[in-house]
N, C-alpha and C. Protein backbone atom coordinates (compact mmCIF):
# COMPACT_ATOMS: atom_id res chain seq x y z
N MET A 1 26.49 5.17 -0.83
CA MET A 1 25.48 4.23 -0.41
C MET A 1 24.10 4.78 -0.78
N ALA A 2 23.31 3.96 -1.38
CA ALA A 2 21.97 4.36 -1.80
C ALA A 2 20.96 4.07 -0.70
N ASP A 3 19.97 4.93 -0.59
CA ASP A 3 18.90 4.75 0.38
C ASP A 3 17.77 3.97 -0.27
N TRP A 4 17.59 2.73 0.15
CA TRP A 4 16.58 1.85 -0.42
C TRP A 4 15.29 1.84 0.39
N GLY A 5 15.18 2.67 1.41
CA GLY A 5 13.98 2.72 2.25
C GLY A 5 12.71 3.05 1.48
N PRO A 6 12.70 4.14 0.67
CA PRO A 6 11.49 4.46 -0.08
C PRO A 6 11.09 3.37 -1.08
N VAL A 7 12.07 2.73 -1.70
CA VAL A 7 11.76 1.66 -2.65
C VAL A 7 11.15 0.47 -1.93
N PHE A 8 11.75 0.08 -0.82
CA PHE A 8 11.25 -1.06 -0.04
C PHE A 8 9.84 -0.79 0.48
N VAL A 9 9.60 0.38 1.06
CA VAL A 9 8.28 0.72 1.59
C VAL A 9 7.26 0.77 0.47
N GLY A 10 7.62 1.35 -0.67
CA GLY A 10 6.70 1.44 -1.79
C GLY A 10 6.29 0.09 -2.34
N VAL A 11 7.25 -0.83 -2.48
CA VAL A 11 6.95 -2.17 -3.01
C VAL A 11 6.08 -2.95 -2.04
N VAL A 12 6.42 -2.91 -0.77
CA VAL A 12 5.63 -3.65 0.23
C VAL A 12 4.20 -3.12 0.31
N LEU A 13 4.04 -1.80 0.34
CA LEU A 13 2.69 -1.25 0.39
C LEU A 13 1.91 -1.52 -0.88
N PHE A 14 2.59 -1.50 -2.04
CA PHE A 14 1.91 -1.80 -3.29
C PHE A 14 1.38 -3.23 -3.28
N ILE A 15 2.17 -4.17 -2.79
CA ILE A 15 1.72 -5.57 -2.74
C ILE A 15 0.57 -5.73 -1.74
N LEU A 16 0.69 -5.11 -0.58
CA LEU A 16 -0.35 -5.26 0.45
C LEU A 16 -1.64 -4.52 0.11
N LEU A 17 -1.54 -3.41 -0.62
CA LEU A 17 -2.73 -2.59 -0.86
C LEU A 17 -3.28 -2.70 -2.27
N THR A 18 -2.88 -3.71 -3.03
CA THR A 18 -3.48 -3.93 -4.33
C THR A 18 -4.93 -4.36 -4.13
N PRO A 19 -5.90 -3.60 -4.66
CA PRO A 19 -7.31 -3.91 -4.40
C PRO A 19 -7.68 -5.31 -4.89
N GLY A 20 -8.27 -6.09 -4.01
CA GLY A 20 -8.75 -7.41 -4.35
C GLY A 20 -7.75 -8.52 -4.14
N LEU A 21 -6.47 -8.21 -3.99
CA LEU A 21 -5.47 -9.26 -3.81
C LEU A 21 -5.56 -9.85 -2.41
N LEU A 22 -5.31 -9.06 -1.40
CA LEU A 22 -5.45 -9.53 -0.02
C LEU A 22 -6.74 -9.04 0.62
N VAL A 23 -7.04 -7.76 0.38
CA VAL A 23 -8.22 -7.15 1.00
C VAL A 23 -8.79 -6.13 0.02
N GLN A 24 -10.11 -5.96 0.08
CA GLN A 24 -10.76 -4.94 -0.75
C GLN A 24 -11.69 -4.13 0.13
N MET A 25 -11.50 -2.81 0.11
CA MET A 25 -12.35 -1.90 0.88
C MET A 25 -12.89 -0.84 -0.06
N PRO A 26 -14.10 -0.56 -0.20
CA PRO A 26 -15.26 -1.37 0.19
C PRO A 26 -15.44 -2.53 -0.78
N GLY A 27 -15.96 -3.62 -0.27
CA GLY A 27 -16.20 -4.79 -1.11
C GLY A 27 -17.52 -4.70 -1.84
N ARG A 28 -17.83 -5.72 -2.58
CA ARG A 28 -19.09 -5.73 -3.32
C ARG A 28 -20.28 -6.03 -2.41
N ASN A 29 -20.10 -6.96 -1.47
CA ASN A 29 -21.21 -7.36 -0.61
C ASN A 29 -21.04 -6.89 0.84
N ARG A 30 -19.79 -6.63 1.24
CA ARG A 30 -19.52 -6.24 2.62
C ARG A 30 -18.63 -5.00 2.61
N CYS A 31 -18.38 -4.47 3.79
CA CYS A 31 -17.51 -3.30 3.90
C CYS A 31 -16.06 -3.67 3.56
N ILE A 32 -15.63 -4.83 4.05
CA ILE A 32 -14.28 -5.33 3.77
C ILE A 32 -14.39 -6.79 3.32
N GLU A 33 -13.76 -7.11 2.20
CA GLU A 33 -13.72 -8.49 1.71
C GLU A 33 -12.27 -8.91 1.55
N PHE A 34 -12.00 -10.18 1.79
CA PHE A 34 -10.65 -10.70 1.75
C PHE A 34 -10.47 -11.66 0.59
N GLY A 35 -9.44 -11.44 -0.22
CA GLY A 35 -9.02 -12.36 -1.27
C GLY A 35 -10.06 -12.68 -2.31
N ASN A 36 -10.81 -11.70 -2.78
CA ASN A 36 -11.86 -12.00 -3.75
C ASN A 36 -11.42 -11.77 -5.20
N PHE A 37 -10.26 -11.14 -5.43
CA PHE A 37 -9.70 -10.90 -6.76
C PHE A 37 -10.62 -10.09 -7.67
N HIS A 38 -11.49 -9.26 -7.09
CA HIS A 38 -12.34 -8.34 -7.83
C HIS A 38 -12.02 -6.93 -7.36
N THR A 39 -12.37 -5.94 -8.16
CA THR A 39 -12.13 -4.56 -7.76
C THR A 39 -13.20 -3.66 -8.35
N SER A 40 -13.25 -2.45 -7.87
CA SER A 40 -14.18 -1.45 -8.37
C SER A 40 -13.49 -0.09 -8.35
N GLY A 41 -14.11 0.90 -8.95
CA GLY A 41 -13.53 2.23 -8.97
C GLY A 41 -13.41 2.84 -7.59
N VAL A 42 -14.41 2.63 -6.76
CA VAL A 42 -14.38 3.16 -5.39
C VAL A 42 -13.28 2.48 -4.59
N SER A 43 -13.11 1.18 -4.79
CA SER A 43 -12.06 0.45 -4.10
C SER A 43 -10.68 0.94 -4.51
N ILE A 44 -10.49 1.22 -5.80
CA ILE A 44 -9.21 1.75 -6.27
C ILE A 44 -8.93 3.10 -5.64
N LEU A 45 -9.95 3.95 -5.53
CA LEU A 45 -9.78 5.26 -4.92
C LEU A 45 -9.41 5.15 -3.44
N VAL A 46 -10.09 4.27 -2.71
CA VAL A 46 -9.81 4.09 -1.29
C VAL A 46 -8.39 3.57 -1.08
N HIS A 47 -7.99 2.58 -1.86
CA HIS A 47 -6.65 2.01 -1.72
C HIS A 47 -5.57 3.02 -2.13
N THR A 48 -5.86 3.88 -3.10
CA THR A 48 -4.90 4.91 -3.51
C THR A 48 -4.69 5.92 -2.39
N VAL A 49 -5.76 6.35 -1.75
CA VAL A 49 -5.65 7.29 -0.64
C VAL A 49 -4.89 6.66 0.52
N LEU A 50 -5.18 5.41 0.84
CA LEU A 50 -4.45 4.71 1.90
C LEU A 50 -2.97 4.58 1.57
N TYR A 51 -2.65 4.23 0.31
CA TYR A 51 -1.27 4.09 -0.12
C TYR A 51 -0.53 5.42 0.03
N PHE A 52 -1.12 6.51 -0.43
CA PHE A 52 -0.51 7.83 -0.32
C PHE A 52 -0.29 8.22 1.14
N ALA A 53 -1.30 8.00 1.98
CA ALA A 53 -1.19 8.37 3.39
C ALA A 53 -0.10 7.56 4.10
N LEU A 54 -0.05 6.26 3.84
CA LEU A 54 0.96 5.43 4.49
C LEU A 54 2.36 5.74 3.97
N MET A 55 2.50 6.04 2.68
CA MET A 55 3.81 6.44 2.15
C MET A 55 4.28 7.73 2.81
N CYS A 56 3.39 8.69 2.97
CA CYS A 56 3.75 9.94 3.63
C CYS A 56 4.16 9.71 5.09
N ILE A 57 3.42 8.87 5.78
CA ILE A 57 3.73 8.59 7.18
C ILE A 57 5.09 7.91 7.30
N PHE A 58 5.32 6.87 6.51
CA PHE A 58 6.58 6.12 6.63
C PHE A 58 7.79 6.92 6.15
N LEU A 59 7.64 7.71 5.10
CA LEU A 59 8.80 8.40 4.54
C LEU A 59 9.02 9.79 5.12
N LEU A 60 7.97 10.52 5.42
CA LEU A 60 8.13 11.87 5.91
C LEU A 60 8.11 11.97 7.44
N ALA A 61 7.27 11.19 8.09
CA ALA A 61 7.15 11.30 9.54
C ALA A 61 8.11 10.37 10.28
N ILE A 62 8.22 9.13 9.81
CA ILE A 62 9.06 8.15 10.51
C ILE A 62 10.49 8.13 9.96
N HIS A 63 10.69 8.56 8.72
CA HIS A 63 12.00 8.59 8.06
C HIS A 63 12.63 7.20 7.97
N VAL A 64 11.97 6.30 7.26
CA VAL A 64 12.48 4.95 7.07
C VAL A 64 13.66 5.01 6.10
N HIS A 65 14.81 4.47 6.52
CA HIS A 65 15.99 4.41 5.68
C HIS A 65 16.56 3.01 5.71
N VAL A 66 16.94 2.48 4.56
CA VAL A 66 17.59 1.18 4.45
C VAL A 66 18.80 1.37 3.54
N TYR A 67 19.99 1.13 4.09
CA TYR A 67 21.23 1.27 3.32
C TYR A 67 21.82 -0.10 3.06
N ILE A 68 22.05 -0.41 1.79
CA ILE A 68 22.61 -1.69 1.39
C ILE A 68 23.91 -1.41 0.64
N GLY A 69 24.92 -2.14 0.97
CA GLY A 69 26.20 -1.97 0.29
C GLY A 69 27.30 -1.58 1.25
N SER A 70 28.44 -1.30 0.70
CA SER A 70 29.58 -0.99 1.57
C SER A 70 29.84 0.48 1.70
C-alpha cells in the first residue's frame, strides 16, 4: 500500500498557496489581496516560505498518512 498523504497535502497546498490565485501576500496595494491574478517576487518568496513551513508541519509534526488500495 502506498502512502498518498504527502502527495495529497502537497497538491492541496500548491493550489491554495499559488500567489495571486486565491490570495496574494503582500499585495500591490494592500497587505493581503484576494483573487487579483497578479504576482510579484516578494509574493512568490512569502508563499514559498509558507508552503515549506506548512509541508513540514503536516508531514513531519502531524504525520498525515492516506492509504488507498487493498
